[in-house]
Amino acid sequence: MMHSFTQLVEQFEDRLSKFLPFPEQPGTLYDPCRYFMQIGGKRIRPVLCLMANELFGEINEDAWHAAMGIELFHNFTLIHDDIMDKAPLRRGKQTIHDKYGLTAGILCGDVMSIHAYDQLVNVRHNLHMILHLFNRTSIEVCEGQQLDMDFEARNDVSIDEYIHMITLKTSVLLACSLKMGALIGGTTEGNSNKLYTFGKNLGIAFQLQDDYLDAFGETDKLGKQNGGDIKSNKKTYLLLKARETANPEHLKQIDEWLQKDGEDKVPAMLELFKQTGADKACRDAVELYSQRAFDCLEEAAVTSKRKQPLHDLASYLLMRDK
């Protein structure tokens, strides 16, 4: 019987609570690690690894080790991202550097990334391919984060550059999780590549949707005020597309609002996004990458019944009815 995403999250959380690999001492290093891993998260990446593994048979022990390694690595990147962004909160809780200090944040991230590899070395099937894929993905995530930081100082970022950045920063780890699970399941290179491309397009669609919802989402559904990206002048798909398609008057207004703050900024920018067609372009882009993702999943040589849990998860993440 195939497991649902929710069932696998519960199983993963249970394993995490029992097998979290951090020793007791020194507490100044490992207490922050435990704190961060236990403040939650959706566990999407490790569970994608498990779901991809289950496409090709029962979930095996290798997949659990790989999933744990992926989650440890993902949390390491979040800890260091928070330091770079000087963020005080993560998932509504204090970030590590804010709670325990900068040194703890740096060291905790470092040791978490090493523990990720310590999990992966337990994988017995296709270990060489798994490590190569994981290393390449880890490098790409770092490149994506650097590009994101670089873009803050630039006013000429193109849509293509932005898609490339979010692919590296967000999508490739989703793609890697799926491909690792598939490789451990013993499937063909072709099948595992289909799942990789499915994850990559799913990640792009998800990030573009996130851009859109931050601006136009219903506040009560999001659980946060919309317009956060606008207030911080974040270079999202919406802003880049608006600048690309704006006439001279609209461009002048956009640039003026980027220099200003105040409660009128969000509604003014939302209106400019509509006038330039950036809102529709963003929705269209979400649909394009979503369809690419679902097409790749469809092409994977596995029965539709076995693919249903992955299809359901993707539909849920993209808030699609089908």
C-alpha atoms as a PDB file:
ATOM      1  CA  MET A   1       0.000   0.000   0.000  1.00  0.00           C
ATOM      2  CA  MET A   2       1.291   3.454  -0.958  1.00  0.00           C
ATOM      3  CA  HIS A   3       1.633   5.983   1.837  1.00  0.00           C
ATOM      4  CA  SER A   4       0.238   9.512   1.716  1.00  0.00           C
ATOM      5  CA  PHE A   5       2.437  12.553   2.300  1.00  0.00           C
ATOM      6  CA  THR A   6       0.875  13.080   5.734  1.00  0.00           C
ATOM      7  CA  GLN A   7       1.555   9.474   6.790  1.00  0.00           C
ATOM      8  CA  LEU A   8       5.190   9.725   5.724  1.00  0.00           C
ATOM      9  CA  VAL A   9       5.656  13.056   7.521  1.00  0.00           C
ATOM     10  CA  GLU A  10       4.442  11.390  10.727  1.00  0.00           C
ATOM     11  CA  GLN A  11       6.810   8.453  10.240  1.00  0.00           C
ATOM     12  CA  PHE A  12       9.718  10.762   9.446  1.00  0.00           C
ATOM     13  CA  GLU A  13       9.029  12.943  12.518  1.00  0.00           C
ATOM     14  CA  ASP A  14       8.963   9.797  14.647  1.00  0.00           C
ATOM     15  CA  ARG A  15      12.355   8.701  13.316  1.00  0.00           C
ATOM     16  CA  LEU A  16      13.738  12.197  13.711  1.00  0.00           C
ATOM     17  CA  SER A  17      12.754  12.320  17.382  1.00  0.00           C
ATOM     18  CA  LYS A  18      14.340   8.909  18.049  1.00  0.00           C
ATOM     19  CA  PHE A  19      17.448   9.076  15.887  1.00  0.00           C
ATOM     20  CA  LEU A  20      18.447  12.745  15.794  1.00  0.00           C
ATOM     21  CA  PRO A  21      22.216  12.308  15.484  1.00  0.00           C
ATOM     22  CA  PHE A  22      23.393  14.985  17.918  1.00  0.00           C
ATOM     23  CA  PRO A  23      25.259  13.994  21.119  1.00  0.00           C
ATOM     24  CA  GLU A  24      24.683  15.742  24.451  1.00  0.00           C
ATOM     25  CA  GLN A  25      28.038  17.533  24.661  1.00  0.00           C
ATOM     26  CA  PRO A  26      29.045  20.196  24.059  1.00  0.00           C
ATOM     27  CA  GLY A  27      25.563  21.460  24.780  1.00  0.00           C
ATOM     28  CA  THR A  28      26.461  24.937  23.518  1.00  0.00           C
ATOM     29  CA  LEU A  29      26.850  23.391  20.049  1.00  0.00           C
ATOM     30  CA  TYR A  30      24.194  20.682  19.973  1.00  0.00           C
ATOM     31  CA  ASP A  31      21.361  22.270  21.983  1.00  0.00           C
ATOM     32  CA  PRO A  32      20.852  24.899  19.243  1.00  0.00           C
ATOM     33  CA  CYS A  33      20.909  22.120  16.604  1.00  0.00           C
ATOM     34  CA  ARG A  34      18.205  20.175  18.445  1.00  0.00           C
ATOM     35  CA  TYR A  35      16.182  23.356  18.963  1.00  0.00           C
ATOM     36  CA  PHE A  36      16.217  24.203  15.270  1.00  0.00           C
ATOM     37  CA  MET A  37      15.383  20.702  14.042  1.00  0.00           C
ATOM     38  CA  GLN A  38      12.468  20.471  16.452  1.00  0.00           C
ATOM     39  CA  ILE A  39      10.780  23.790  15.638  1.00  0.00           C
ATOM     40  CA  GLY A  40       9.235  22.000  12.720  1.00  0.00           C
ATOM     41  CA  GLY A  41       8.952  22.628   9.035  1.00  0.00           C
ATOM     42  CA  LYS A  42       6.926  20.890   6.362  1.00  0.00           C
ATOM     43  CA  ARG A  43       9.538  18.109   5.813  1.00  0.00           C
ATOM     44  CA  ILE A  44       8.699  18.227   2.096  1.00  0.00           C
ATOM     45  CA  ARG A  45      12.210  17.390   0.872  1.00  0.00           C
ATOM     46  CA  PRO A  46      12.863  14.247   2.913  1.00  0.00           C
ATOM     47  CA  VAL A  47       9.357  12.951   2.274  1.00  0.00           C
ATOM     48  CA  LEU A  48       9.766  13.478  -1.488  1.00  0.00           C
ATOM     49  CA  CYS A  49      12.782  11.169  -1.259  1.00  0.00           C
ATOM     50  CA  LEU A  50      10.676   8.542   0.530  1.00  0.00           C
ATOM     51  CA  MET A  51       7.774   8.911  -1.909  1.00  0.00           C
ATOM     52  CA  ALA A  52      10.053   8.546  -4.935  1.00  0.00           C
ATOM     53  CA  ASN A  53      11.600   5.458  -3.344  1.00  0.00           C
ATOM     54  CA  GLU A  54       8.161   3.934  -2.759  1.00  0.00           C
ATOM     55  CA  LEU A  55       7.311   4.275  -6.459  1.00  0.00           C
ATOM     56  CA  PHE A  56       9.590   1.299  -7.084  1.00  0.00           C
ATOM     57  CA  GLY A  57       8.825  -0.953  -4.118  1.00  0.00           C
ATOM     58  CA  GLU A  58       8.710  -0.789  -0.338  1.00  0.00           C
ATOM     59  CA  ILE A  59      10.605   2.055   1.303  1.00  0.00           C
ATOM     60  CA  ASN A  60      14.010   0.690   2.270  1.00  0.00           C
ATOM     61  CA  GLU A  61      16.457   1.688   4.993  1.00  0.00           C
ATOM     62  CA  ASP A  62      18.757   3.488   2.533  1.00  0.00           C
ATOM     63  CA  ALA A  63      15.933   5.894   1.696  1.00  0.00           C
ATOM     64  CA  TRP A  64      15.432   6.774   5.373  1.00  0.00           C
ATOM     65  CA  HIS A  65      19.140   7.619   5.721  1.00  0.00           C
ATOM     66  CA  ALA A  66      19.040   9.707   2.535  1.00  0.00           C
ATOM     67  CA  ALA A  67      15.908  11.523   3.713  1.00  0.00           C
ATOM     68  CA  MET A  68      17.543  12.335   7.053  1.00  0.00           C
ATOM     69  CA  GLY A  69      20.643  13.622   5.260  1.00  0.00           C
ATOM     70  CA  ILE A  70      18.522  15.840   3.007  1.00  0.00           C
ATOM     71  CA  GLU A  71      16.615  17.329   5.949  1.00  0.00           C
ATOM     72  CA  LEU A  72      19.808  18.015   7.907  1.00  0.00           C
ATOM     73  CA  PHE A  73      21.359  19.708   4.873  1.00  0.00           C
ATOM     74  CA  HIS A  74      18.216  21.770   4.222  1.00  0.00           C
ATOM     75  CA  ASN A  75      18.158  22.998   7.821  1.00  0.00           C
ATOM     76  CA  PHE A  76      21.853  23.867   7.652  1.00  0.00           C
ATOM     77  CA  THR A  77      21.127  26.121   4.647  1.00  0.00           C
ATOM     78  CA  LEU A  78      18.232  27.780   6.510  1.00  0.00           C
ATOM     79  CA  ILE A  79      20.413  28.533   9.551  1.00  0.00           C
ATOM     80  CA  HIS A  80      23.073  30.217   7.422  1.00  0.00           C
ATOM     81  CA  ASP A  81      20.477  31.992   5.220  1.00  0.00           C
ATOM     82  CA  ASP A  82      18.951  33.484   8.367  1.00  0.00           C
ATOM     83  CA  ILE A  83      22.372  34.819   9.387  1.00  0.00           C
ATOM     84  CA  MET A  84      22.903  36.396   5.953  1.00  0.00           C
ATOM     85  CA  ASP A  85      19.401  37.891   5.966  1.00  0.00           C
ATOM     86  CA  LYS A  86      19.737  39.023   9.611  1.00  0.00           C
ATOM     87  CA  ALA A  87      16.338  37.389  10.159  1.00  0.00           C
ATOM     88  CA  PRO A  88      15.032  37.319  13.763  1.00  0.00           C
ATOM     89  CA  LEU A  89      12.318  34.699  13.135  1.00  0.00           C
ATOM     90  CA  ARG A  90      11.998  31.366  11.329  1.00  0.00           C
ATOM     91  CA  ARG A  91       8.634  29.529  11.364  1.00  0.00           C
ATOM     92  CA  GLY A  92       7.488  32.015  14.008  1.00  0.00           C
ATOM     93  CA  LYS A  93      10.344  31.109  16.384  1.00  0.00           C
ATOM     94  CA  GLN A  94      13.636  32.806  17.170  1.00  0.00           C
ATOM     95  CA  THR A  95      16.394  32.047  14.688  1.00  0.00           C
ATOM     96  CA  ILE A  96      19.511  30.348  16.051  1.00  0.00           C
ATOM     97  CA  HIS A  97      21.851  33.333  15.732  1.00  0.00           C
ATOM     98  CA  ASP A  98      19.235  35.553  17.381  1.00  0.00           C
ATOM     99  CA  LYS A  99      18.645  33.125  20.262  1.00  0.00           C
ATOM    100  CA  TYR A 100      22.128  31.673  20.814  1.00  0.00           C
ATOM    101  CA  GLY A 101      24.492  34.122  19.078  1.00  0.00           C
ATOM    102  CA  LEU A 102      26.322  34.334  15.767  1.00  0.00           C
ATOM    103  CA  THR A 103      29.044  31.808  16.639  1.00  0.00           C
ATOM    104  CA  ALA A 104      26.460  29.184  17.551  1.00  0.00           C
ATOM    105  CA  GLY A 105      24.646  29.837  14.281  1.00  0.00           C
ATOM    106  CA  ILE A 106      27.758  29.380  12.151  1.00  0.00           C
ATOM    107  CA  LEU A 107      29.045  26.290  13.978  1.00  0.00           C
ATOM    108  CA  CYS A 108      25.615  24.704  14.285  1.00  0.00           C
ATOM    109  CA  GLY A 109      25.098  25.019  10.526  1.00  0.00           C
ATOM    110  CA  ASP A 110      28.571  23.600   9.858  1.00  0.00           C
ATOM    111  CA  VAL A 111      28.137  20.544  12.074  1.00  0.00           C
ATOM    112  CA  MET A 112      24.641  19.922  10.716  1.00  0.00           C
ATOM    113  CA  SER A 113      25.981  19.771   7.147  1.00  0.00           C
ATOM    114  CA  ILE A 114      28.640  17.242   8.243  1.00  0.00           C
ATOM    115  CA  HIS A 115      26.012  15.127  10.005  1.00  0.00           C
ATOM    116  CA  ALA A 116      24.065  15.161   6.730  1.00  0.00           C
ATOM    117  CA  TYR A 117      26.986  13.381   5.048  1.00  0.00           C
ATOM    118  CA  ASP A 118      27.275  11.029   7.982  1.00  0.00           C
ATOM    119  CA  GLN A 119      23.716   9.913   7.259  1.00  0.00           C
ATOM    120  CA  LEU A 120      24.407   9.480   3.544  1.00  0.00           C
ATOM    121  CA  VAL A 121      27.405   7.201   4.036  1.00  0.00           C
ATOM    122  CA  ASN A 122      24.964   4.604   5.437  1.00  0.00           C
ATOM    123  CA  VAL A 123      23.379   4.292   1.985  1.00  0.00           C
ATOM    124  CA  ARG A 124      24.416   0.976   0.427  1.00  0.00           C
ATOM    125  CA  HIS A 125      22.704   1.108  -2.974  1.00  0.00           C
ATOM    126  CA  ASN A 126      24.130   3.431  -5.659  1.00  0.00           C
ATOM    127  CA  LEU A 127      26.170   5.384  -3.074  1.00  0.00           C
ATOM    128  CA  HIS A 128      28.601   6.794  -5.654  1.00  0.00           C
ATOM    129  CA  MET A 129      25.767   8.280  -7.747  1.00  0.00           C
ATOM    130  CA  ILE A 130      23.938   9.498  -4.628  1.00  0.00           C
ATOM    131  CA  LEU A 131      26.986  11.370  -3.288  1.00  0.00           C
ATOM    132  CA  HIS A 132      27.811  12.862  -6.679  1.00  0.00           C
ATOM    133  CA  LEU A 133      24.236  14.119  -7.070  1.00  0.00           C
ATOM    134  CA  PHE A 134      24.123  15.437  -3.498  1.00  0.00           C
ATOM    135  CA  ASN A 135      27.464  17.255  -3.863  1.00  0.00           C
ATOM    136  CA  ARG A 136      26.447  18.873  -7.137  1.00  0.00           C
ATOM    137  CA  THR A 137      23.125  19.957  -5.616  1.00  0.00           C
ATOM    138  CA  SER A 138      24.823  21.374  -2.494  1.00  0.00           C
ATOM    139  CA  ILE A 139      27.124  23.496  -4.659  1.00  0.00           C
ATOM    140  CA  GLU A 140      24.161  24.724  -6.726  1.00  0.00           C
ATOM    141  CA  VAL A 141      22.213  25.732  -3.593  1.00  0.00           C
ATOM    142  CA  CYS A 142      25.209  27.836  -2.478  1.00  0.00           C
ATOM    143  CA  GLU A 143      25.428  29.397  -5.947  1.00  0.00           C
ATOM    144  CA  GLY A 144      21.710  30.213  -5.839  1.00  0.00           C
ATOM    145  CA  GLN A 145      22.013  31.888  -2.454  1.00  0.00           C
ATOM    146  CA  GLN A 146      24.955  33.970  -3.677  1.00  0.00           C
ATOM    147  CA  LEU A 147      23.043  35.053  -6.787  1.00  0.00           C
ATOM    148  CA  ASP A 148      20.094  36.039  -4.584  1.00  0.00           C
ATOM    149  CA  MET A 149      22.426  38.230  -2.516  1.00  0.00           C
ATOM    150  CA  ASP A 150      24.040  39.675  -5.678  1.00  0.00           C
ATOM    151  CA  PHE A 151      20.652  40.579  -7.137  1.00  0.00           C
ATOM    152  CA  GLU A 152      19.914  42.860  -4.167  1.00  0.00           C
ATOM    153  CA  ALA A 153      22.526  45.319  -5.458  1.00  0.00           C
ATOM    154  CA  ARG A 154      21.445  45.150  -9.118  1.00  0.00           C
ATOM    155  CA  ASN A 155      18.638  46.903 -10.993  1.00  0.00           C
ATOM    156  CA  ASP A 156      19.064  45.035 -14.266  1.00  0.00           C
ATOM    157  CA  VAL A 157      18.136  41.473 -13.232  1.00  0.00           C
ATOM    158  CA  SER A 158      16.323  39.672 -16.078  1.00  0.00           C
ATOM    159  CA  ILE A 159      13.476  37.182 -15.764  1.00  0.00           C
ATOM    160  CA  ASP A 160      15.755  34.420 -17.086  1.00  0.00           C
ATOM    161  CA  GLU A 161      18.369  35.223 -14.434  1.00  0.00           C
ATOM    162  CA  TYR A 162      15.684  35.172 -11.754  1.00  0.00           C
ATOM    163  CA  ILE A 163      14.367  31.765 -12.891  1.00  0.00           C
ATOM    164  CA  HIS A 164      17.941  30.455 -12.890  1.00  0.00           C
ATOM    165  CA  MET A 165      18.486  31.767  -9.349  1.00  0.00           C
ATOM    166  CA  ILE A 166      15.325  30.224  -7.872  1.00  0.00           C
ATOM    167  CA  THR A 167      16.097  26.968  -9.685  1.00  0.00           C
ATOM    168  CA  LEU A 168      19.441  26.764  -7.883  1.00  0.00           C
ATOM    169  CA  LYS A 169      18.307  28.146  -4.539  1.00  0.00           C
ATOM    170  CA  THR A 170      15.022  26.253  -4.189  1.00  0.00           C
ATOM    171  CA  SER A 171      14.240  23.764  -6.948  1.00  0.00           C
ATOM    172  CA  VAL A 172      17.339  21.608  -7.297  1.00  0.00           C
ATOM    173  CA  LEU A 173      17.081  20.266  -3.735  1.00  0.00           C
ATOM    174  CA  LEU A 174      13.493  19.130  -4.375  1.00  0.00           C
ATOM    175  CA  ALA A 175      14.678  17.552  -7.617  1.00  0.00           C
ATOM    176  CA  CYS A 176      17.660  15.914  -5.889  1.00  0.00           C
ATOM    177  CA  SER A 177      15.421  14.453  -3.173  1.00  0.00           C
ATOM    178  CA  LEU A 178      13.218  12.762  -5.749  1.00  0.00           C
ATOM    179  CA  LYS A 179      16.105  11.472  -7.858  1.00  0.00           C
ATOM    180  CA  MET A 180      17.918  10.094  -4.800  1.00  0.00           C
ATOM    181  CA  GLY A 181      14.820   8.190  -3.705  1.00  0.00           C
ATOM    182  CA  ALA A 182      14.388   6.809  -7.218  1.00  0.00           C
ATOM    183  CA  LEU A 183      18.040   5.761  -7.557  1.00  0.00           C
ATOM    184  CA  ILE A 184      17.906   4.005  -4.186  1.00  0.00           C
ATOM    185  CA  GLY A 185      14.759   2.253  -5.435  1.00  0.00           C
ATOM    186  CA  GLY A 186      16.845   0.758  -8.237  1.00  0.00           C
ATOM    187  CA  THR A 187      15.040   2.341 -11.179  1.00  0.00           C
ATOM    188  CA  THR A 188      16.574   3.363 -14.504  1.00  0.00           C
ATOM    189  CA  GLU A 189      18.558   6.559 -15.111  1.00  0.00           C
ATOM    190  CA  GLY A 190      15.756   7.689 -17.449  1.00  0.00           C
ATOM    191  CA  ASN A 191      13.083   7.290 -14.785  1.00  0.00           C
ATOM    192  CA  SER A 192      15.161   8.996 -12.118  1.00  0.00           C
ATOM    193  CA  ASN A 193      15.833  11.920 -14.496  1.00  0.00           C
ATOM    194  CA  LYS A 194      12.084  12.293 -15.179  1.00  0.00           C
ATOM    195  CA  LEU A 195      11.515  12.604 -11.427  1.00  0.00           C
ATOM    196  CA  TYR A 196      14.393  15.094 -11.156  1.00  0.00           C
ATOM    197  CA  THR A 197      12.826  17.302 -13.856  1.00  0.00           C
ATOM    198  CA  PHE A 198       9.416  16.930 -12.212  1.00  0.00           C
ATOM    199  CA  GLY A 199      10.899  18.227  -8.934  1.00  0.00           C
ATOM    200  CA  LYS A 200      12.781  21.052 -10.625  1.00  0.00           C
ATOM    201  CA  ASN A 201       9.688  22.398 -12.400  1.00  0.00           C
ATOM    202  CA  LEU A 202       7.550  21.865  -9.310  1.00  0.00           C
ATOM    203  CA  GLY A 203      10.013  23.972  -7.295  1.00  0.00           C
ATOM    204  CA  ILE A 204      10.018  26.803  -9.848  1.00  0.00           C
ATOM    205  CA  ALA A 205       6.202  26.835  -9.997  1.00  0.00           C
ATOM    206  CA  PHE A 206       6.013  26.796  -6.204  1.00  0.00           C
ATOM    207  CA  GLN A 207       8.401  29.757  -5.829  1.00  0.00           C
ATOM    208  CA  LEU A 208       6.622  31.807  -8.498  1.00  0.00           C
ATOM    209  CA  GLN A 209       3.321  31.077  -6.802  1.00  0.00           C
ATOM    210  CA  ASP A 210       4.878  32.205  -3.523  1.00  0.00           C
ATOM    211  CA  ASP A 211       5.846  35.497  -5.186  1.00  0.00           C
ATOM    212  CA  TYR A 212       2.282  35.942  -6.396  1.00  0.00           C
ATOM    213  CA  LEU A 213       0.633  35.043  -3.082  1.00  0.00           C
ATOM    214  CA  ASP A 214       2.901  37.374  -1.122  1.00  0.00           C
ATOM    215  CA  ALA A 215       1.440  40.204  -3.192  1.00  0.00           C
ATOM    216  CA  PHE A 216      -2.094  39.112  -4.008  1.00  0.00           C
ATOM    217  CA  GLY A 217      -2.878  36.289  -1.577  1.00  0.00           C
ATOM    218  CA  GLU A 218      -5.719  36.490   0.921  1.00  0.00           C
ATOM    219  CA  THR A 219      -4.210  37.522   4.251  1.00  0.00           C
ATOM    220  CA  ASP A 220      -6.346  35.190   6.382  1.00  0.00           C
ATOM    221  CA  LYS A 221      -5.365  32.171   4.268  1.00  0.00           C
ATOM    222  CA  LEU A 222      -1.667  33.025   4.288  1.00  0.00           C
ATOM    223  CA  GLY A 223      -1.517  33.670   8.003  1.00  0.00           C
ATOM    224  CA  LYS A 224       0.553  36.783   7.361  1.00  0.00           C
ATOM    225  CA  GLN A 225       0.176  40.260   5.936  1.00  0.00           C
ATOM    226  CA  ASN A 226       0.608  40.393   2.195  1.00  0.00           C
ATOM    227  CA  GLY A 227       3.052  42.751   0.506  1.00  0.00           C
ATOM    228  CA  GLY A 228       6.127  41.818   2.547  1.00  0.00           C
ATOM    229  CA  ASP A 229       8.212  41.461  -0.615  1.00  0.00           C
ATOM    230  CA  ILE A 230       6.991  44.842  -1.861  1.00  0.00           C
ATOM    231  CA  LYS A 231       7.881  46.580   1.408  1.00  0.00           C
ATOM    232  CA  SER A 232      11.420  45.192   1.300  1.00  0.00           C
ATOM    233  CA  ASN A 233      11.850  45.904  -2.457  1.00  0.00           C
ATOM    234  CA  LYS A 234      12.543  42.212  -3.071  1.00  0.00           C
ATOM    235  CA  LYS A 235      13.218  41.399  -6.703  1.00  0.00           C
ATOM    236  CA  THR A 236      10.395  38.964  -7.332  1.00  0.00           C
ATOM    237  CA  TYR A 237       9.012  37.755 -10.647  1.00  0.00           C
ATOM    238  CA  LEU A 238       6.232  40.347 -10.343  1.00  0.00           C
ATOM    239  CA  LEU A 239       8.584  43.305  -9.933  1.00  0.00           C
ATOM    240  CA  LEU A 240      10.973  42.155 -12.671  1.00  0.00           C
ATOM    241  CA  LYS A 241       8.102  41.513 -15.095  1.00  0.00           C
ATOM    242  CA  ALA A 242       6.484  44.865 -14.281  1.00  0.00           C
ATOM    243  CA  ARG A 243       9.751  46.685 -15.016  1.00  0.00           C
ATOM    244  CA  GLU A 244      10.220  44.666 -18.214  1.00  0.00           C
ATOM    245  CA  THR A 245       6.769  45.445 -19.652  1.00  0.00           C
ATOM    246  CA  ALA A 246       6.225  48.944 -18.191  1.00  0.00           C
ATOM    247  CA  ASN A 247       5.784  51.997 -20.363  1.00  0.00           C
ATOM    248  CA  PRO A 248       7.957  55.021 -19.453  1.00  0.00           C
ATOM    249  CA  GLU A 249       5.317  56.480 -17.107  1.00  0.00           C
ATOM    250  CA  HIS A 250       4.758  53.192 -15.266  1.00  0.00           C
ATOM    251  CA  LEU A 251       8.519  52.646 -15.002  1.00  0.00           C
ATOM    252  CA  LYS A 252       8.925  56.108 -13.496  1.00  0.00           C
ATOM    253  CA  GLN A 253       6.207  55.337 -10.912  1.00  0.00           C
ATOM    254  CA  ILE A 254       7.731  51.947 -10.051  1.00  0.00           C
ATOM    255  CA  ASP A 255      11.171  53.481  -9.518  1.00  0.00           C
ATOM    256  CA  GLU A 256       9.687  56.248  -7.368  1.00  0.00           C
ATOM    257  CA  TRP A 257       7.855  53.761  -5.145  1.00  0.00           C
ATOM    258  CA  LEU A 258      11.017  51.674  -4.764  1.00  0.00           C
ATOM    259  CA  GLN A 259      12.581  54.725  -3.102  1.00  0.00           C
ATOM    260  CA  LYS A 260       9.647  55.261  -0.727  1.00  0.00           C
ATOM    261  CA  ASP A 261       7.988  53.605   2.264  1.00  0.00           C
ATOM    262  CA  GLY A 262       4.586  54.100   3.857  1.00  0.00           C
ATOM    263  CA  GLU A 263       1.187  52.433   3.906  1.00  0.00           C
ATOM    264  CA  ASP A 264       0.373  53.507   0.331  1.00  0.00           C
ATOM    265  CA  LYS A 265       3.321  51.602  -1.141  1.00  0.00           C
ATOM    266  CA  VAL A 266       1.766  48.117  -1.271  1.00  0.00           C
ATOM    267  CA  PRO A 267      -1.573  49.098  -2.902  1.00  0.00           C
ATOM    268  CA  ALA A 268       0.251  51.385  -5.358  1.00  0.00           C
ATOM    269  CA  MET A 269       2.659  48.648  -6.434  1.00  0.00           C
ATOM    270  CA  LEU A 270      -0.153  46.081  -6.691  1.00  0.00           C
ATOM    271  CA  GLU A 271      -1.972  48.458  -9.043  1.00  0.00           C
ATOM    272  CA  LEU A 272       1.197  48.859 -11.134  1.00  0.00           C
ATOM    273  CA  PHE A 273       1.603  45.080 -11.294  1.00  0.00           C
ATOM    274  CA  LYS A 274      -1.924  44.881 -12.694  1.00  0.00           C
ATOM    275  CA  GLN A 275      -1.483  47.773 -15.143  1.00  0.00           C
ATOM    276  CA  THR A 276       1.710  46.271 -16.565  1.00  0.00           C
ATOM    277  CA  GLY A 277       0.190  42.777 -16.785  1.00  0.00           C
ATOM    278  CA  ALA A 278       2.805  41.366 -14.400  1.00  0.00           C
ATOM    279  CA  ASP A 279       0.096  39.717 -12.270  1.00  0.00           C
ATOM    280  CA  LYS A 280      -1.274  37.707 -15.206  1.00  0.00           C
ATOM    281  CA  ALA A 281       2.232  36.907 -16.474  1.00  0.00           C
ATOM    282  CA  CYS A 282       3.128  35.474 -13.061  1.00  0.00           C
ATOM    283  CA  ARG A 283      -0.015  33.306 -12.955  1.00  0.00           C
ATOM    284  CA  ASP A 284       0.744  32.112 -16.491  1.00  0.00           C
ATOM    285  CA  ALA A 285       4.319  31.232 -15.523  1.00  0.00           C
ATOM    286  CA  VAL A 286       3.072  29.228 -12.520  1.00  0.00           C
ATOM    287  CA  GLU A 287       0.765  27.312 -14.848  1.00  0.00           C
ATOM    288  CA  LEU A 288       3.543  26.725 -17.404  1.00  0.00           C
ATOM    289  CA  TYR A 289       6.024  25.239 -14.913  1.00  0.00           C
ATOM    290  CA  SER A 290       3.242  23.313 -13.143  1.00  0.00           C
ATOM    291  CA  GLN A 291       2.249  21.690 -16.413  1.00  0.00           C
ATOM    292  CA  ARG A 292       5.865  20.819 -17.196  1.00  0.00           C
ATOM    293  CA  ALA A 293       6.130  19.188 -13.782  1.00  0.00           C
ATOM    294  CA  PHE A 294       2.966  17.114 -14.192  1.00  0.00           C
ATOM    295  CA  ASP A 295       3.988  16.103 -17.733  1.00  0.00           C
ATOM    296  CA  CYS A 296       7.306  14.741 -16.419  1.00  0.00           C
ATOM    297  CA  LEU A 297       5.547  12.804 -13.679  1.00  0.00           C
ATOM    298  CA  GLU A 298       3.156  11.407 -16.262  1.00  0.00           C
ATOM    299  CA  GLU A 299       6.097  10.266 -18.443  1.00  0.00           C
ATOM    300  CA  ALA A 300       7.819   8.355 -15.628  1.00  0.00           C
ATOM    301  CA  ALA A 301       7.448   4.633 -16.354  1.00  0.00           C
ATOM    302  CA  VAL A 302       5.416   3.743 -13.264  1.00  0.00           C
ATOM    303  CA  THR A 303       1.725   2.876 -12.989  1.00  0.00           C
ATOM    304  CA  SER A 304      -0.553   5.872 -12.410  1.00  0.00           C
ATOM    305  CA  LYS A 305      -1.835   4.369  -9.178  1.00  0.00           C
ATOM    306  CA  ARG A 306       1.658   4.371  -7.649  1.00  0.00           C
ATOM    307  CA  LYS A 307       2.223   7.976  -8.791  1.00  0.00           C
ATOM    308  CA  GLN A 308      -1.030   9.244  -7.251  1.00  0.00           C
ATOM    309  CA  PRO A 309       0.422  10.288  -3.841  1.00  0.00           C
ATOM    310  CA  LEU A 310       3.118  12.372  -5.591  1.00  0.00           C
ATOM    311  CA  HIS A 311       0.510  13.857  -7.919  1.00  0.00           C
ATOM    312  CA  ASP A 312      -1.698  14.718  -4.938  1.00  0.00           C
ATOM    313  CA  LEU A 313       1.194  16.375  -3.091  1.00  0.00           C
ATOM    314  CA  ALA A 314       2.162  18.461  -6.105  1.00  0.00           C
ATOM    315  CA  SER A 315      -1.461  19.537  -6.576  1.00  0.00           C
ATOM    316  CA  TYR A 316      -1.653  20.480  -2.887  1.00  0.00           C
ATOM    317  CA  LEU A 317       1.587  22.496  -3.004  1.00  0.00           C
ATOM    318  CA  LEU A 318       0.396  24.360  -6.084  1.00  0.00           C
ATOM    319  CA  MET A 319      -3.146  24.739  -4.720  1.00  0.00           C
ATOM    320  CA  ARG A 320      -4.573  23.099  -7.811  1.00  0.00           C
ATOM    321  CA  ASP A 321      -7.930  21.376  -7.830  1.00  0.00           C
ATOM    322  CA  LYS A 322      -6.738  18.613 -10.146  1.00  0.00           C
END
